Amino acid sequence: MSILIGNIMRIALQVLAGVGVGELMDKFVKPKVPEYYTENISPGFKPGKLIWFIAAFVFAFMILKWVGRKLKIKLLR
């Protein structure tokens, strides 16, 4: 089960790092090359989206644990 949690944390860190890189590109690259970047690269940080993302992972994790208990799958218990 710890492998599953590790994978979820790794994916979450990659998503958050991607948002951070997009914000940095909007801040530093866009002013230097305005004709190529007509829109922002990053969609922006919105707490509601982050809360929804975390809630979705928690809900999926709970479903996996429930399925693991019902079907007696050792990896998911």
N, C-alpha and C. Protein backbone atom coordinates (compact mmCIF):
# COMPACT_ATOMS: atom_id res chain seq x y z
N MET A 1 0.81 -1.19 0.00
CA MET A 1 0.00 0.00 0.00
C MET A 1 0.86 1.25 0.00
N SER A 2 2.03 1.15 0.60
CA SER A 2 2.91 2.33 0.63
C SER A 2 3.42 2.67 -0.77
N ILE A 3 3.51 1.68 -1.63
CA ILE A 3 3.92 1.94 -3.01
C ILE A 3 2.87 2.81 -3.71
N LEU A 4 1.61 2.52 -3.46
CA LEU A 4 0.52 3.30 -4.06
C LEU A 4 0.55 4.74 -3.56
N ILE A 5 0.76 4.91 -2.27
CA ILE A 5 0.83 6.26 -1.71
C ILE A 5 2.04 7.01 -2.27
N GLY A 6 3.15 6.30 -2.41
CA GLY A 6 4.34 6.92 -3.00
C GLY A 6 4.11 7.38 -4.43
N ASN A 7 3.41 6.55 -5.20
CA ASN A 7 3.11 6.94 -6.59
C ASN A 7 2.18 8.15 -6.64
N ILE A 8 1.20 8.18 -5.76
CA ILE A 8 0.28 9.32 -5.72
C ILE A 8 1.04 10.60 -5.36
N MET A 9 1.92 10.50 -4.37
CA MET A 9 2.70 11.68 -3.97
C MET A 9 3.64 12.13 -5.10
N ARG A 10 4.23 11.18 -5.81
CA ARG A 10 5.12 11.52 -6.92
C ARG A 10 4.36 12.25 -8.03
N ILE A 11 3.18 11.77 -8.36
CA ILE A 11 2.36 12.42 -9.39
C ILE A 11 1.94 13.81 -8.94
N ALA A 12 1.54 13.93 -7.68
CA ALA A 12 1.13 15.24 -7.16
C ALA A 12 2.29 16.23 -7.20
N LEU A 13 3.49 15.79 -6.85
CA LEU A 13 4.65 16.68 -6.90
C LEU A 13 4.97 17.10 -8.33
N GLN A 14 4.83 16.19 -9.29
CA GLN A 14 5.08 16.53 -10.68
C GLN A 14 4.06 17.55 -11.18
N VAL A 15 2.80 17.39 -10.79
CA VAL A 15 1.78 18.35 -11.20
C VAL A 15 2.08 19.73 -10.61
N LEU A 16 2.38 19.77 -9.32
CA LEU A 16 2.68 21.04 -8.67
C LEU A 16 3.95 21.67 -9.24
N ALA A 17 4.95 20.85 -9.58
CA ALA A 17 6.17 21.39 -10.18
C ALA A 17 5.86 21.96 -11.57
N GLY A 18 4.99 21.30 -12.31
CA GLY A 18 4.61 21.81 -13.63
C GLY A 18 3.90 23.14 -13.54
N VAL A 19 3.05 23.29 -12.54
CA VAL A 19 2.37 24.57 -12.33
C VAL A 19 3.40 25.65 -12.00
N GLY A 20 4.37 25.31 -11.16
CA GLY A 20 5.41 26.26 -10.79
C GLY A 20 6.26 26.68 -11.98
N VAL A 21 6.62 25.73 -12.84
CA VAL A 21 7.41 26.05 -14.03
C VAL A 21 6.61 26.95 -14.97
N GLY A 22 5.32 26.66 -15.11
CA GLY A 22 4.47 27.51 -15.95
C GLY A 22 4.38 28.93 -15.43
N GLU A 23 4.27 29.07 -14.11
CA GLU A 23 4.23 30.41 -13.51
C GLU A 23 5.54 31.15 -13.76
N LEU A 24 6.66 30.46 -13.61
CA LEU A 24 7.96 31.10 -13.85
C LEU A 24 8.11 31.51 -15.32
N MET A 25 7.65 30.68 -16.24
CA MET A 25 7.74 31.03 -17.66
C MET A 25 6.87 32.24 -17.96
N ASP A 26 5.69 32.31 -17.34
CA ASP A 26 4.84 33.48 -17.53
C ASP A 26 5.52 34.74 -17.03
N LYS A 27 6.26 34.60 -15.94
CA LYS A 27 6.87 35.77 -15.32
C LYS A 27 8.14 36.24 -16.06
N PHE A 28 8.97 35.30 -16.52
CA PHE A 28 10.27 35.68 -17.07
C PHE A 28 10.39 35.57 -18.59
N VAL A 29 9.78 34.58 -19.19
CA VAL A 29 9.95 34.37 -20.63
C VAL A 29 8.96 35.20 -21.44
N LYS A 30 7.73 35.29 -20.98
CA LYS A 30 6.69 35.99 -21.74
C LYS A 30 7.04 37.45 -22.03
N PRO A 31 7.57 38.23 -21.07
CA PRO A 31 7.90 39.62 -21.40
C PRO A 31 9.01 39.76 -22.44
N LYS A 32 9.90 38.77 -22.52
CA LYS A 32 11.01 38.85 -23.47
C LYS A 32 10.60 38.44 -24.87
N VAL A 33 9.59 37.60 -25.01
CA VAL A 33 9.15 37.11 -26.31
C VAL A 33 7.63 37.29 -26.41
N PRO A 34 7.13 38.51 -26.50
CA PRO A 34 5.68 38.73 -26.44
C PRO A 34 4.91 38.22 -27.67
N GLU A 35 5.56 38.16 -28.84
CA GLU A 35 4.79 37.75 -30.02
C GLU A 35 4.49 36.25 -30.04
N TYR A 36 5.23 35.44 -29.29
CA TYR A 36 4.97 34.01 -29.25
C TYR A 36 4.01 33.61 -28.15
N TYR A 37 3.98 34.37 -27.09
CA TYR A 37 3.13 34.03 -25.95
C TYR A 37 2.00 35.06 -25.85
N THR A 38 0.91 34.79 -26.54
CA THR A 38 -0.22 35.70 -26.47
C THR A 38 -1.09 35.44 -25.24
N GLU A 39 -1.05 34.21 -24.73
CA GLU A 39 -1.79 33.85 -23.53
C GLU A 39 -0.82 33.39 -22.45
N ASN A 40 -1.30 33.31 -21.24
CA ASN A 40 -0.46 32.78 -20.16
C ASN A 40 -0.23 31.29 -20.37
N ILE A 41 0.95 30.84 -20.01
CA ILE A 41 1.27 29.42 -20.13
C ILE A 41 0.59 28.65 -19.01
N SER A 42 0.68 29.17 -17.82
CA SER A 42 0.11 28.51 -16.65
C SER A 42 -1.35 28.92 -16.48
N PRO A 43 -2.22 27.97 -16.14
CA PRO A 43 -3.62 28.35 -15.92
C PRO A 43 -3.82 29.11 -14.62
N GLY A 44 -2.79 29.18 -13.80
CA GLY A 44 -2.91 29.89 -12.53
C GLY A 44 -3.19 28.95 -11.39
N PHE A 45 -2.91 29.40 -10.21
CA PHE A 45 -3.14 28.59 -9.01
C PHE A 45 -4.48 28.99 -8.41
N LYS A 46 -5.34 28.02 -8.29
CA LYS A 46 -6.65 28.26 -7.70
C LYS A 46 -6.85 27.25 -6.58
N PRO A 47 -7.09 27.71 -5.36
CA PRO A 47 -7.23 26.79 -4.23
C PRO A 47 -8.36 25.78 -4.42
N GLY A 48 -9.43 26.18 -5.08
CA GLY A 48 -10.54 25.25 -5.30
C GLY A 48 -10.13 24.05 -6.12
N LYS A 49 -9.32 24.28 -7.15
CA LYS A 49 -8.85 23.17 -7.98
C LYS A 49 -7.93 22.25 -7.19
N LEU A 50 -7.08 22.84 -6.36
CA LEU A 50 -6.17 22.03 -5.55
C LEU A 50 -6.95 21.18 -4.55
N ILE A 51 -7.96 21.75 -3.92
CA ILE A 51 -8.78 21.01 -2.96
C ILE A 51 -9.53 19.89 -3.68
N TRP A 52 -10.07 20.18 -4.87
CA TRP A 52 -10.77 19.14 -5.63
C TRP A 52 -9.81 18.02 -6.01
N PHE A 53 -8.58 18.36 -6.42
CA PHE A 53 -7.57 17.38 -6.82
C PHE A 53 -7.23 16.46 -5.64
N ILE A 54 -7.01 17.05 -4.47
CA ILE A 54 -6.69 16.26 -3.28
C ILE A 54 -7.87 15.39 -2.87
N ALA A 55 -9.07 15.95 -2.92
CA ALA A 55 -10.27 15.19 -2.55
C ALA A 55 -10.48 14.01 -3.50
N ALA A 56 -10.21 14.20 -4.78
CA ALA A 56 -10.36 13.11 -5.75
C ALA A 56 -9.38 11.98 -5.44
N PHE A 57 -8.13 12.33 -5.10
CA PHE A 57 -7.15 11.29 -4.76
C PHE A 57 -7.53 10.57 -3.48
N VAL A 58 -8.02 11.28 -2.48
CA VAL A 58 -8.43 10.65 -1.22
C VAL A 58 -9.61 9.72 -1.46
N PHE A 59 -10.57 10.17 -2.24
CA PHE A 59 -11.74 9.35 -2.54
C PHE A 59 -11.33 8.08 -3.30
N ALA A 60 -10.45 8.22 -4.29
CA ALA A 60 -9.98 7.06 -5.05
C ALA A 60 -9.21 6.09 -4.14
N PHE A 61 -8.42 6.63 -3.24
CA PHE A 61 -7.67 5.81 -2.30
C PHE A 61 -8.62 5.02 -1.39
N MET A 62 -9.68 5.68 -0.92
CA MET A 62 -10.66 4.99 -0.07
C MET A 62 -11.38 3.89 -0.83
N ILE A 63 -11.71 4.14 -2.08
CA ILE A 63 -12.37 3.11 -2.90
C ILE A 63 -11.43 1.92 -3.11
N LEU A 64 -10.15 2.21 -3.39
CA LEU A 64 -9.19 1.12 -3.59
C LEU A 64 -9.04 0.27 -2.32
N LYS A 65 -8.99 0.91 -1.17
CA LYS A 65 -8.90 0.15 0.08
C LYS A 65 -10.15 -0.70 0.29
N TRP A 66 -11.32 -0.16 0.00
CA TRP A 66 -12.56 -0.91 0.16
C TRP A 66 -12.59 -2.11 -0.78
N VAL A 67 -12.21 -1.90 -2.05
CA VAL A 67 -12.18 -3.00 -3.02
C VAL A 67 -11.16 -4.05 -2.58
N GLY A 68 -10.03 -3.60 -2.07
CA GLY A 68 -9.01 -4.54 -1.60
C GLY A 68 -9.49 -5.40 -0.45
N ARG A 69 -10.26 -4.81 0.47
CA ARG A 69 -10.80 -5.58 1.60
C ARG A 69 -11.87 -6.56 1.12
N LYS A 70 -12.76 -6.11 0.23
CA LYS A 70 -13.85 -6.97 -0.24
C LYS A 70 -13.35 -8.14 -1.07
N LEU A 71 -12.38 -7.87 -1.95
CA LEU A 71 -11.89 -8.92 -2.84
C LEU A 71 -10.66 -9.64 -2.29
N LYS A 72 -10.23 -9.23 -1.09
CA LYS A 72 -9.07 -9.83 -0.41
C LYS A 72 -7.81 -9.77 -1.27
N ILE A 73 -7.57 -8.61 -1.82
CA ILE A 73 -6.34 -8.38 -2.58
C ILE A 73 -5.31 -7.78 -1.63
N LYS A 74 -4.23 -8.49 -1.44
CA LYS A 74 -3.25 -8.10 -0.44
C LYS A 74 -2.60 -6.76 -0.74
N LEU A 75 -2.36 -6.45 -1.99
CA LEU A 75 -1.70 -5.20 -2.38
C LEU A 75 -2.56 -3.98 -2.04
N LEU A 76 -3.89 -4.12 -2.08
CA LEU A 76 -4.78 -2.99 -1.87
C LEU A 76 -5.32 -2.88 -0.46
N ARG A 77 -4.99 -3.79 0.42
CA ARG A 77 -5.53 -3.73 1.78
C ARG A 77 -4.83 -2.76 2.64
